[in-house]
Amino acid sequence: MKQENLFAALRAAFPADLDAAAVETDAGLVYSWRDLDRATAMIANLLQSLQLPPASRIAVQVEKSVEAMMLYLGTLRAGHVFLPLNTAYQSAEIEYFIGNAEPAVVVCTSRNFGWVSKLAFKAGTHHVFTLDDDRTGSLLERAAHCGDRHEIAPAGADDLACIVYTSGTTGRSKGAMLTHGNMLSNAQVLKDYWGWQQGDVLIHALPIFHVHGLFVAIHGALLNGSRMIWFGKFDPKRVIERLPDATVFMGVPTLYTRMLAEARLNKVVCRNMRLFISGSAPLLPETFNAWKERTGHTILERYGMSETIMLTSNPYDAAQGERRAGTVGFPLPGVGVRVRDEAGQDVPAGEIGGIQVTGPNVFKGYWRMPEKTKEEFTHDGWFRTGDVGRIDRDGYVTIVGRSKDLIISGGYNVYPAEVEGYINELPGVAESALVGVPHPDFGEVGVAVVIPRPGMRLDGEEILAKLKSQLANFKIPKRCFVVDELPRNTMGKVQKNLLREQHKQLFA
């Protein structure tokens, strides 16, 4: 079998000088490439000493740290399957994940050890370790007794590397099975497409239980032999302070809006930056424009999913086109993207339909859910993303929303992103969300939830009155609420399921 272990490819890209800095943390610690090599070997040897079955799941719910990244890399190195869990998950959720994935090893923070270990042992997991963000915990204590040389476990392109549980906005979370080949092919494509070059330095300020921070950012830097400036938590002031020392930054829209609120953000601090990337949630055109004006840089927006890693991207190279606000660019090399109607026919350019994708980055299926997996793929093997969007005549892809967010009001389709776009352009509006709730006459109607800009007062009725002159009547929300903030998940995505739940009795 050809060696396609993702870790082997990342390790092969380490620079010749293993004593050079690989990661520099916000606490002032510096890790060399040799440190990464030795620590991942020790963790892999620890896992090997437990005599686990091949491709055992290693479930991890810990705070962000360089050691947590080493645990991820050590798991790949040992040929096991990494299972990252959001740090916000509580006991009922953790119980579900442990029961569903049946991990051989669970790693948690010391403060959660009491209740996590109970759930794990009850479910039949034999090994529970602790790992904290201050380089302490039983995992490191045990690994310290293991050798620092390790032969990388063989893995084929189709072998499982990770299971990422989707955020579960529609019923129970599903475990997306990603292979070594899925992740390596995507990392290699992005290395070329985003123009990674010698001397690049990445600011890593994202969580690492998610595709964006764990795969896109870390694989990108490691595959390029690039140093990372590592933030345990995002702090806009401290990130801006480090921009002159870096060339690449990856963030979610919330991080960009928080940096724009800082007076120190300007063209001078961004003078050495090569690329700002945004994803995981839609970037408002207004943030895109404000960033360009303040920094002289055009944010590159891209689109991906837990099941597929990255799918599309605005061009890095200006010769391939401009970066357009509100779009997620073109399909990446080797990735197929098509837009189809309910009958499974391609829709004309510029028209809205369901987005389907294919490519070497598309996952193997949902963990222990063969029926669900079958349902989500078309007869010719394309994955139905559940996203709704369009491809314009120039080939740019625009995401209009999730198919589950579509509102069917009196038989008409209402796309929330379209209505939100009009609301967001009204004076005094910072951001909005439109959700569908049950209605006795129309089946479903839209309810708008709006955040005002700082110091502005908004009136819901006035917003609806203004929309009436701009949009067809069936698209006008039936109610509009003005609130201080929208519920968001850790990646900054608005949790529309919570808004729907909150307002579902409105017209009952």
Protein backbone atom coordinates (compact mmCIF):
# COMPACT_ATOMS: atom_id res chain seq x y z
CA MET A 1 0.00 0.00 0.00
CA LYS A 2 1.31 3.44 -0.94
CA GLN A 3 2.06 5.49 2.19
CA GLU A 4 -0.61 8.21 2.20
CA ASN A 5 -0.67 8.98 5.92
CA LEU A 6 -1.46 12.69 6.12
CA PHE A 7 1.08 13.10 8.91
CA ALA A 8 3.82 11.61 6.69
CA ALA A 9 3.15 14.33 4.08
CA LEU A 10 3.14 17.09 6.72
CA ARG A 11 6.34 15.72 8.31
CA ALA A 12 8.06 15.56 4.91
CA ALA A 13 7.41 19.31 4.51
CA PHE A 14 9.20 20.28 7.75
CA PRO A 15 12.16 22.57 6.95
CA ALA A 16 15.70 21.17 6.90
CA ASP A 17 16.56 23.20 10.01
CA LEU A 18 14.51 21.36 12.65
CA ASP A 19 15.68 23.77 15.34
CA ALA A 20 13.97 26.75 13.70
CA ALA A 21 10.79 28.08 15.33
CA ALA A 22 7.62 26.27 14.23
CA VAL A 23 5.10 27.75 16.68
CA GLU A 24 5.33 30.85 18.84
CA THR A 25 2.53 31.28 21.40
CA ASP A 26 0.85 34.35 22.86
CA ALA A 27 2.36 33.27 26.20
CA GLY A 28 5.87 33.68 24.76
CA LEU A 29 6.68 29.97 24.32
CA VAL A 30 8.54 28.84 21.22
CA TYR A 31 8.30 25.29 19.83
CA SER A 32 10.79 24.12 17.21
CA TRP A 33 10.06 21.72 14.36
CA ARG A 34 12.13 19.17 16.30
CA ASP A 35 9.79 19.65 19.29
CA LEU A 36 6.80 18.87 17.06
CA ASP A 37 8.51 15.78 15.66
CA ARG A 38 9.58 14.43 19.08
CA ALA A 39 6.31 15.22 20.90
CA THR A 40 4.11 13.66 18.21
CA ALA A 41 6.36 10.56 18.28
CA MET A 42 5.99 10.30 22.09
CA ILE A 43 2.19 10.64 21.89
CA ALA A 44 2.04 8.08 19.05
CA ASN A 45 4.19 5.71 21.14
CA LEU A 46 1.87 6.21 24.14
CA LEU A 47 -1.16 5.30 22.00
CA GLN A 48 0.72 2.29 20.63
CA SER A 49 1.57 1.11 24.17
CA LEU A 50 -2.17 0.92 24.97
CA GLN A 51 -2.50 -1.88 22.37
CA LEU A 52 -5.64 -0.35 20.86
CA PRO A 53 -7.47 -1.99 17.97
CA PRO A 54 -6.43 -0.59 14.54
CA ALA A 55 -8.09 2.74 13.61
CA SER A 56 -9.40 3.35 17.14
CA ARG A 57 -11.24 6.61 17.76
CA ILE A 58 -9.48 9.13 20.02
CA ALA A 59 -12.13 11.61 21.27
CA VAL A 60 -10.75 14.95 22.44
CA GLN A 61 -12.48 17.82 24.25
CA VAL A 62 -9.78 20.18 25.52
CA GLU A 63 -8.90 23.88 25.45
CA LYS A 64 -6.75 25.12 22.58
CA SER A 65 -3.02 24.56 23.04
CA VAL A 66 0.01 23.55 20.98
CA GLU A 67 -0.05 20.24 22.91
CA ALA A 68 -3.64 19.67 21.73
CA MET A 69 -2.40 20.12 18.14
CA MET A 70 0.42 17.64 18.88
CA LEU A 71 -2.18 15.16 20.13
CA TYR A 72 -4.04 15.51 16.80
CA LEU A 73 -0.82 14.97 14.83
CA GLY A 74 0.30 12.10 17.12
CA THR A 75 -3.06 10.36 16.54
CA LEU A 76 -2.60 10.55 12.75
CA ARG A 77 1.00 9.41 13.13
CA ALA A 78 -0.12 6.33 15.07
CA GLY A 79 -2.76 5.49 12.45
CA HIS A 80 -5.76 6.15 14.70
CA VAL A 81 -8.84 8.32 14.10
CA PHE A 82 -9.07 11.78 15.66
CA LEU A 83 -12.42 12.99 16.95
CA PRO A 84 -12.39 16.70 17.93
CA LEU A 85 -15.23 17.90 20.18
CA ASN A 86 -16.39 21.49 20.67
CA THR A 87 -15.37 22.82 24.10
CA ALA A 88 -18.91 24.18 24.58
CA TYR A 89 -20.53 20.71 24.59
CA GLN A 90 -22.16 19.68 27.88
CA SER A 91 -22.77 16.25 29.45
CA ALA A 92 -25.82 15.12 27.40
CA GLU A 93 -23.97 15.95 24.17
CA ILE A 94 -20.70 14.30 25.26
CA GLU A 95 -22.66 11.22 26.33
CA TYR A 96 -24.16 11.02 22.83
CA PHE A 97 -20.77 11.40 21.06
CA ILE A 98 -19.05 8.82 23.26
CA GLY A 99 -21.97 6.40 22.82
CA ASN A 100 -22.06 6.94 19.07
CA ALA A 101 -18.32 6.89 18.27
CA GLU A 102 -17.27 4.34 20.93
CA PRO A 103 -13.79 5.86 21.33
CA ALA A 104 -10.98 3.73 22.74
CA VAL A 105 -9.44 6.83 24.33
CA VAL A 106 -11.04 10.03 25.65
CA VAL A 107 -8.98 13.13 26.47
CA CYS A 108 -10.59 15.96 28.46
CA THR A 109 -9.59 18.90 30.68
CA SER A 110 -8.72 18.19 34.32
CA ARG A 111 -11.72 20.16 35.56
CA ASN A 112 -14.14 17.96 33.54
CA PHE A 113 -12.41 14.67 34.36
CA GLY A 114 -14.95 13.68 37.04
CA TRP A 115 -18.05 13.63 34.88
CA VAL A 116 -16.39 12.85 31.51
CA SER A 117 -14.57 9.77 32.84
CA LYS A 118 -17.84 8.46 34.35
CA LEU A 119 -19.59 8.72 30.97
CA ALA A 120 -16.60 7.20 29.16
CA PHE A 121 -16.13 4.21 31.47
CA LYS A 122 -19.88 3.55 31.47
CA ALA A 123 -19.79 3.43 27.65
CA GLY A 124 -16.88 0.96 27.65
CA THR A 125 -13.94 3.32 26.98
CA HIS A 126 -10.89 2.00 28.83
CA HIS A 127 -8.57 5.02 28.72
CA VAL A 128 -9.34 8.58 29.87
CA PHE A 129 -6.52 11.15 30.00
CA THR A 130 -6.43 14.82 30.91
CA LEU A 131 -4.79 17.66 28.98
CA ASP A 132 -4.84 21.33 30.02
CA ASP A 133 -3.75 24.44 28.16
CA ASP A 134 -0.82 25.03 30.57
CA ARG A 135 1.16 21.94 29.45
CA THR A 136 -0.13 19.78 32.32
CA GLY A 137 -2.30 16.67 32.49
CA SER A 138 -2.00 12.89 32.66
CA LEU A 139 -1.58 12.56 28.86
CA LEU A 140 1.71 14.47 28.86
CA GLU A 141 2.87 12.81 32.10
CA ARG A 142 2.40 9.38 30.53
CA ALA A 143 3.84 10.41 27.13
CA ALA A 144 6.98 11.76 28.85
CA HIS A 145 7.98 8.13 29.61
CA CYS A 146 7.70 7.10 25.93
CA GLY A 147 10.46 7.15 23.31
CA ASP A 148 10.77 10.17 20.98
CA ARG A 149 11.31 8.15 17.80
CA HIS A 150 8.40 6.55 15.99
CA GLU A 151 7.92 5.04 12.56
CA ILE A 152 4.82 6.61 11.00
CA ALA A 153 1.96 4.10 10.75
CA PRO A 154 1.10 3.19 7.16
CA ALA A 155 -2.23 4.54 5.89
CA GLY A 156 -3.92 4.45 2.51
CA ALA A 157 -5.75 7.40 0.95
CA ASP A 158 -9.09 5.76 1.79
CA ASP A 159 -8.25 5.10 5.45
CA LEU A 160 -10.16 7.07 8.05
CA ALA A 161 -8.23 9.95 9.67
CA CYS A 162 -10.91 12.00 11.44
CA ILE A 163 -14.57 12.01 12.39
CA VAL A 164 -16.02 15.52 12.64
CA TYR A 165 -19.48 15.82 14.12
CA THR A 166 -21.65 18.34 12.29
CA SER A 167 -23.21 21.07 14.40
CA GLY A 168 -26.53 19.23 14.42
CA THR A 169 -28.96 22.06 13.63
CA THR A 170 -31.33 19.44 12.18
CA GLY A 171 -31.70 16.69 14.75
CA ARG A 172 -28.79 14.65 16.09
CA SER A 173 -25.22 15.48 15.06
CA LYS A 174 -23.79 13.22 12.37
CA GLY A 175 -20.16 12.09 12.31
CA ALA A 176 -18.56 13.01 8.96
CA MET A 177 -15.82 10.48 8.15
CA LEU A 178 -12.79 12.15 6.56
CA THR A 179 -9.94 10.10 5.11
CA HIS A 180 -6.21 10.77 4.84
CA GLY A 181 -6.77 11.26 1.09
CA ASN A 182 -9.65 13.74 1.60
CA MET A 183 -7.52 15.97 3.79
CA LEU A 184 -4.21 15.69 1.99
CA SER A 185 -5.70 16.38 -1.46
CA ASN A 186 -7.46 19.49 -0.10
CA ALA A 187 -4.36 20.79 1.67
CA GLN A 188 -2.24 20.36 -1.46
CA VAL A 189 -4.79 22.17 -3.66
CA LEU A 190 -5.01 25.10 -1.21
CA LYS A 191 -1.23 25.36 -0.96
CA ASP A 192 -1.11 26.16 -4.69
CA TYR A 193 -4.39 28.05 -5.00
CA TRP A 194 -3.67 30.45 -2.13
CA GLY A 195 -0.08 30.98 -3.23
CA TRP A 196 1.64 29.74 -0.04
CA GLN A 197 5.29 30.75 -0.35
CA GLN A 198 8.60 30.48 1.47
CA GLY A 199 8.74 32.80 4.47
CA ASP A 200 4.97 32.86 5.04
CA VAL A 201 3.92 33.18 8.70
CA LEU A 202 0.38 32.32 9.78
CA ILE A 203 -1.50 33.94 12.67
CA HIS A 204 -3.55 31.10 14.17
CA ALA A 205 -6.39 32.58 16.21
CA LEU A 206 -9.18 30.06 15.49
CA PRO A 207 -10.49 27.19 17.67
CA ILE A 208 -9.04 23.77 16.79
CA PHE A 209 -12.10 21.56 17.20
CA HIS A 210 -13.37 22.72 13.82
CA VAL A 211 -12.40 22.17 10.15
CA HIS A 212 -11.27 25.80 9.67
CA GLY A 213 -8.74 25.96 12.51
CA LEU A 214 -7.73 22.30 12.75
CA PHE A 215 -7.41 21.38 9.07
CA VAL A 216 -7.34 24.43 6.77
CA ALA A 217 -5.07 26.58 8.95
CA ILE A 218 -2.78 23.96 10.55
CA HIS A 219 -2.34 21.80 7.42
CA GLY A 220 -1.71 24.95 5.39
CA ALA A 221 1.14 26.13 7.62
CA LEU A 222 2.69 22.67 8.19
CA LEU A 223 2.55 21.64 4.53
CA ASN A 224 4.40 24.86 3.69
CA GLY A 225 6.91 24.54 6.54
CA SER A 226 5.61 27.89 7.83
CA ARG A 227 5.87 29.31 11.34
CA MET A 228 2.64 29.89 13.26
CA ILE A 229 1.94 32.73 15.69
CA TRP A 230 -0.47 30.95 18.03
CA PHE A 231 -3.26 32.56 20.05
CA GLY A 232 -5.04 30.42 22.66
CA LYS A 233 -7.96 32.84 22.47
CA PHE A 234 -8.68 35.57 19.94
CA ASP A 235 -7.81 39.02 21.28
CA PRO A 236 -8.24 41.76 18.62
CA LYS A 237 -5.67 44.13 20.16
CA ARG A 238 -2.97 41.47 20.49
CA VAL A 239 -3.62 40.01 17.02
CA ILE A 240 -3.32 43.48 15.44
CA GLU A 241 -0.02 43.94 17.37
CA ARG A 242 1.36 40.80 15.69
CA LEU A 243 0.15 41.52 12.13
CA PRO A 244 3.49 43.15 11.14
CA ASP A 245 5.24 39.81 11.96
CA ALA A 246 2.89 37.70 9.81
CA THR A 247 1.78 37.24 6.20
CA VAL A 248 -1.41 35.10 6.39
CA PHE A 249 -4.48 35.39 8.65
CA MET A 250 -7.54 33.12 8.64
CA GLY A 251 -10.67 34.22 10.46
CA VAL A 252 -14.43 34.13 10.71
CA PRO A 253 -16.46 37.31 10.03
CA THR A 254 -16.81 38.10 13.77
CA LEU A 255 -13.00 38.33 14.10
CA TYR A 256 -12.85 40.87 11.27
CA THR A 257 -15.61 43.05 12.76
CA ARG A 258 -13.88 42.96 16.15
CA MET A 259 -10.56 44.05 14.59
CA LEU A 260 -12.31 46.83 12.64
CA ALA A 261 -13.51 48.21 16.00
CA GLU A 262 -9.85 48.80 17.00
CA ALA A 263 -8.31 52.18 16.16
CA ARG A 264 -4.84 50.60 15.66
CA LEU A 265 -5.94 48.65 12.59
CA ASN A 266 -4.53 50.45 9.54
CA LYS A 267 -2.48 49.97 6.38
CA VAL A 268 0.82 50.30 8.26
CA VAL A 269 0.24 47.30 10.59
CA CYS A 270 -0.89 45.26 7.56
CA ARG A 271 2.10 46.21 5.40
CA ASN A 272 3.69 42.72 5.46
CA MET A 273 0.43 40.80 5.15
CA ARG A 274 -0.11 38.80 1.98
CA LEU A 275 -3.55 37.31 2.54
CA PHE A 276 -6.63 37.62 4.75
CA ILE A 277 -9.06 34.68 4.44
CA SER A 278 -12.62 34.51 5.78
CA GLY A 279 -15.03 31.58 6.06
CA SER A 280 -17.33 29.47 8.30
CA ALA A 281 -20.11 32.09 8.13
CA PRO A 282 -21.20 34.70 5.54
CA LEU A 283 -19.11 37.88 5.42
CA LEU A 284 -21.25 41.00 5.10
CA PRO A 285 -20.31 43.11 2.02
CA GLU A 286 -20.05 46.06 4.39
CA THR A 287 -17.30 44.30 6.44
CA PHE A 288 -15.56 43.36 3.16
CA ASN A 289 -15.58 47.01 2.02
CA ALA A 290 -14.65 48.49 5.41
CA TRP A 291 -11.67 46.10 5.66
CA LYS A 292 -10.46 47.07 2.19
CA GLU A 293 -10.67 50.76 3.02
CA ARG A 294 -8.88 50.47 6.38
CA THR A 295 -6.13 48.01 5.49
CA GLY A 296 -5.74 48.16 1.71
CA HIS A 297 -6.37 44.37 1.62
CA THR A 298 -9.24 42.54 -0.07
CA ILE A 299 -10.49 39.66 2.09
CA LEU A 300 -10.60 36.31 0.26
CA GLU A 301 -13.87 34.56 1.07
CA ARG A 302 -14.16 30.80 0.58
CA TYR A 303 -16.70 28.04 1.24
CA GLY A 304 -16.40 24.61 2.79
CA MET A 305 -18.16 22.14 5.07
CA SER A 306 -17.25 19.56 7.72
CA GLU A 307 -18.07 16.88 5.11
CA THR A 308 -15.91 18.29 2.32
CA ILE A 309 -13.29 20.64 3.82
CA MET A 310 -12.82 23.47 1.24
CA LEU A 311 -14.92 23.54 -1.94
CA THR A 312 -14.70 26.99 -3.51
CA SER A 313 -12.58 30.11 -3.12
CA ASN A 314 -12.33 33.59 -4.48
CA PRO A 315 -9.14 33.80 -6.54
CA TYR A 316 -5.84 34.60 -4.86
CA ASP A 317 -4.22 35.44 -8.18
CA ALA A 318 -5.71 38.59 -9.75
CA ALA A 319 -5.07 37.07 -13.21
CA GLN A 320 -7.85 34.55 -12.41
CA GLY A 321 -10.40 37.24 -11.55
CA GLU A 322 -11.35 39.67 -8.81
CA ARG A 323 -12.45 38.81 -5.26
CA ARG A 324 -16.15 39.63 -5.22
CA ALA A 325 -17.98 40.61 -2.04
CA GLY A 326 -20.92 38.35 -1.21
CA THR A 327 -19.59 35.44 -3.30
CA VAL A 328 -17.43 32.45 -2.36
CA GLY A 329 -15.59 32.45 -5.69
CA PHE A 330 -14.94 29.52 -8.02
CA PRO A 331 -14.84 25.74 -7.47
CA LEU A 332 -11.30 24.73 -6.42
CA PRO A 333 -9.21 22.73 -8.91
CA GLY A 334 -10.48 19.12 -8.97
CA VAL A 335 -13.78 20.03 -7.27
CA GLY A 336 -17.10 19.85 -9.16
CA VAL A 337 -19.95 22.17 -8.14
CA ARG A 338 -23.42 22.16 -9.73
CA VAL A 339 -26.76 23.78 -8.88
CA ARG A 340 -29.91 21.70 -9.39
CA ASP A 341 -33.65 22.08 -8.93
CA GLU A 342 -35.96 19.76 -6.98
CA ALA A 343 -36.37 17.55 -10.08
CA GLY A 344 -32.58 17.04 -10.28
CA GLN A 345 -32.11 19.23 -13.37
CA ASP A 346 -29.34 21.84 -13.72
CA VAL A 347 -30.70 25.37 -13.29
CA PRO A 348 -29.71 28.21 -15.69
CA ALA A 349 -26.80 30.53 -14.74
CA GLY A 350 -27.79 32.98 -12.01
CA GLU A 351 -30.81 30.95 -10.84
CA ILE A 352 -31.13 29.48 -7.35
CA GLY A 353 -31.06 25.77 -6.57
CA GLY A 354 -29.51 23.12 -4.34
CA ILE A 355 -25.70 22.94 -4.37
CA GLN A 356 -24.15 19.54 -5.12
CA VAL A 357 -20.42 18.76 -5.12
CA THR A 358 -17.91 16.08 -6.04
CA GLY A 359 -14.15 15.70 -5.68
CA PRO A 360 -11.34 13.90 -3.81
CA ASN A 361 -12.07 16.07 -0.74
CA VAL A 362 -15.65 14.80 -0.33
CA PHE A 363 -16.04 12.61 2.77
CA LYS A 364 -16.56 8.88 2.93
CA GLY A 365 -20.01 9.11 4.55
CA TYR A 366 -21.62 9.48 7.97
CA TRP A 367 -20.32 7.29 10.79
CA ARG A 368 -22.59 4.27 11.24
CA MET A 369 -25.39 5.91 9.20
CA PRO A 370 -25.41 4.06 5.85
CA GLU A 371 -29.02 5.06 5.07
CA LYS A 372 -28.38 8.75 5.79
CA THR A 373 -25.18 8.60 3.70
CA LYS A 374 -27.05 7.03 0.77
CA GLU A 375 -29.76 9.68 1.00
CA GLU A 376 -27.24 12.56 0.85
CA PHE A 377 -25.56 11.36 -2.37
CA THR A 378 -27.14 11.45 -5.82
CA HIS A 379 -27.31 8.32 -8.00
CA ASP A 380 -24.25 9.62 -9.92
CA GLY A 381 -22.23 10.15 -6.73
CA TRP A 382 -22.52 13.89 -6.05
CA PHE A 383 -22.96 15.06 -2.43
CA ARG A 384 -26.04 17.17 -1.67
CA THR A 385 -24.61 19.90 0.55
CA GLY A 386 -27.96 21.13 1.87
CA ASP A 387 -26.88 24.64 0.84
CA VAL A 388 -28.89 26.74 -1.59
CA GLY A 389 -27.11 29.04 -4.02
CA ARG A 390 -26.40 30.11 -7.56
CA ILE A 391 -23.53 30.23 -10.05
CA ASP A 392 -23.42 33.40 -12.16
CA ARG A 393 -22.35 33.68 -15.80
CA ASP A 394 -18.75 34.36 -14.74
CA GLY A 395 -18.65 31.17 -12.64
CA TYR A 396 -18.77 32.82 -9.19
CA VAL A 397 -20.69 30.81 -6.59
CA THR A 398 -22.99 32.61 -4.13
CA ILE A 399 -24.51 30.84 -1.11
CA VAL A 400 -28.07 31.98 -0.44
CA GLY A 401 -28.61 29.88 2.69
CA ARG A 402 -29.29 26.38 3.96
CA SER A 403 -32.14 24.48 2.31
CA LYS A 404 -33.60 23.97 5.80
CA ASP A 405 -33.67 27.79 6.24
CA LEU A 406 -35.77 28.21 3.08
CA ILE A 407 -39.18 29.67 3.96
CA ILE A 408 -42.16 28.50 1.89
CA SER A 409 -44.83 31.11 2.48
CA GLY A 410 -48.20 30.65 0.77
CA GLY A 411 -46.48 28.39 -1.79
CA TYR A 412 -43.74 30.93 -2.61
CA ASN A 413 -40.04 30.36 -1.88
CA VAL A 414 -38.46 33.04 0.32
CA TYR A 415 -34.65 32.96 0.58
CA PRO A 416 -33.62 34.52 3.90
CA ALA A 417 -30.25 35.78 2.61
CA GLU A 418 -31.98 37.92 -0.03
CA VAL A 419 -34.29 39.61 2.49
CA GLU A 420 -31.47 39.98 5.04
CA GLY A 421 -29.41 41.74 2.34
CA TYR A 422 -32.10 44.44 1.98
CA ILE A 423 -32.54 44.81 5.76
CA ASN A 424 -28.77 45.13 6.30
CA GLU A 425 -28.63 48.05 3.87
CA LEU A 426 -31.17 50.10 5.86
CA PRO A 427 -29.72 52.99 7.90
CA GLY A 428 -28.80 52.04 11.46
CA VAL A 429 -28.88 48.26 10.90
CA ALA A 430 -25.75 46.31 11.90
CA GLU A 431 -27.01 42.81 11.06
CA SER A 432 -30.19 40.78 10.66
CA ALA A 433 -31.51 37.23 10.59
CA LEU A 434 -34.72 35.99 8.97
CA VAL A 435 -36.34 32.73 10.09
CA GLY A 436 -39.53 30.91 9.11
CA VAL A 437 -42.17 30.13 11.75
CA PRO A 438 -45.51 28.27 11.45
CA HIS A 439 -48.54 30.33 10.37
CA PRO A 440 -52.19 29.19 10.17
CA ASP A 441 -52.90 30.85 6.77
CA PHE A 442 -49.59 30.80 4.91
CA GLY A 443 -48.08 27.61 6.34
CA GLU A 444 -44.93 29.55 7.18
CA VAL A 445 -43.96 33.23 7.37
CA GLY A 446 -40.75 35.15 7.92
CA VAL A 447 -39.79 36.78 11.22
CA ALA A 448 -36.89 39.23 11.16
CA VAL A 449 -34.54 39.74 14.10
CA VAL A 450 -32.38 42.86 13.76
CA ILE A 451 -29.36 44.28 15.64
CA PRO A 452 -28.93 48.09 15.57
CA ARG A 453 -25.58 49.79 15.10
CA PRO A 454 -24.03 51.20 18.31
CA GLY A 455 -25.92 54.30 19.44
CA MET A 456 -28.78 53.85 16.92
CA ARG A 457 -32.44 53.24 17.71
CA LEU A 458 -34.51 51.12 15.34
CA ASP A 459 -38.22 50.47 15.08
CA GLY A 460 -39.39 47.07 13.76
CA GLU A 461 -42.54 48.46 12.14
CA GLU A 462 -40.55 51.15 10.29
CA ILE A 463 -38.15 48.51 8.94
CA LEU A 464 -41.08 46.48 7.57
CA ALA A 465 -42.61 49.62 6.01
CA LYS A 466 -39.33 50.39 4.20
CA LEU A 467 -39.06 46.82 2.89
CA LYS A 468 -42.54 47.05 1.36
CA SER A 469 -41.28 49.52 -1.24
CA GLN A 470 -38.39 47.20 -2.18
CA LEU A 471 -39.65 43.62 -2.14
CA ALA A 472 -42.61 41.52 -3.27
CA ASN A 473 -45.23 41.25 -0.54
CA PHE A 474 -44.76 37.50 0.02
CA LYS A 475 -41.10 38.18 0.98
CA ILE A 476 -41.93 40.78 3.66
CA PRO A 477 -41.48 39.40 7.19
CA LYS A 478 -44.70 39.39 9.23
CA ARG A 479 -42.88 40.63 12.34
CA CYS A 480 -39.57 42.39 13.06
CA PHE A 481 -37.84 42.36 16.45
CA VAL A 482 -34.93 44.63 17.42
CA VAL A 483 -32.45 42.92 19.79
CA ASP A 484 -28.95 43.53 21.20
CA GLU A 485 -27.39 40.37 19.79
CA LEU A 486 -28.05 37.24 17.75
CA PRO A 487 -27.35 33.73 19.12
CA ARG A 488 -24.15 32.38 17.57
CA ASN A 489 -22.10 29.21 17.67
CA THR A 490 -18.36 29.27 18.36
CA MET A 491 -17.55 29.89 14.69
CA GLY A 492 -19.74 33.00 14.59
CA LYS A 493 -22.62 31.40 12.65
CA VAL A 494 -26.06 32.68 13.63
CA GLN A 495 -28.01 29.81 15.22
CA LYS A 496 -31.28 30.15 13.36
CA ASN A 497 -32.64 26.98 14.94
CA LEU A 498 -32.68 28.82 18.31
CA LEU A 499 -34.48 31.82 16.78
CA ARG A 500 -37.07 29.52 15.16
CA GLU A 501 -37.63 27.79 18.50
CA GLN A 502 -38.00 31.15 20.28
CA HIS A 503 -40.65 32.49 17.89
CA LYS A 504 -42.49 29.31 16.82
CA GLN A 505 -45.63 30.08 18.88
CA LEU A 506 -45.92 33.65 17.56
CA PHE A 507 -48.92 32.97 15.29
CA ALA A 508 -50.22 29.83 17.01
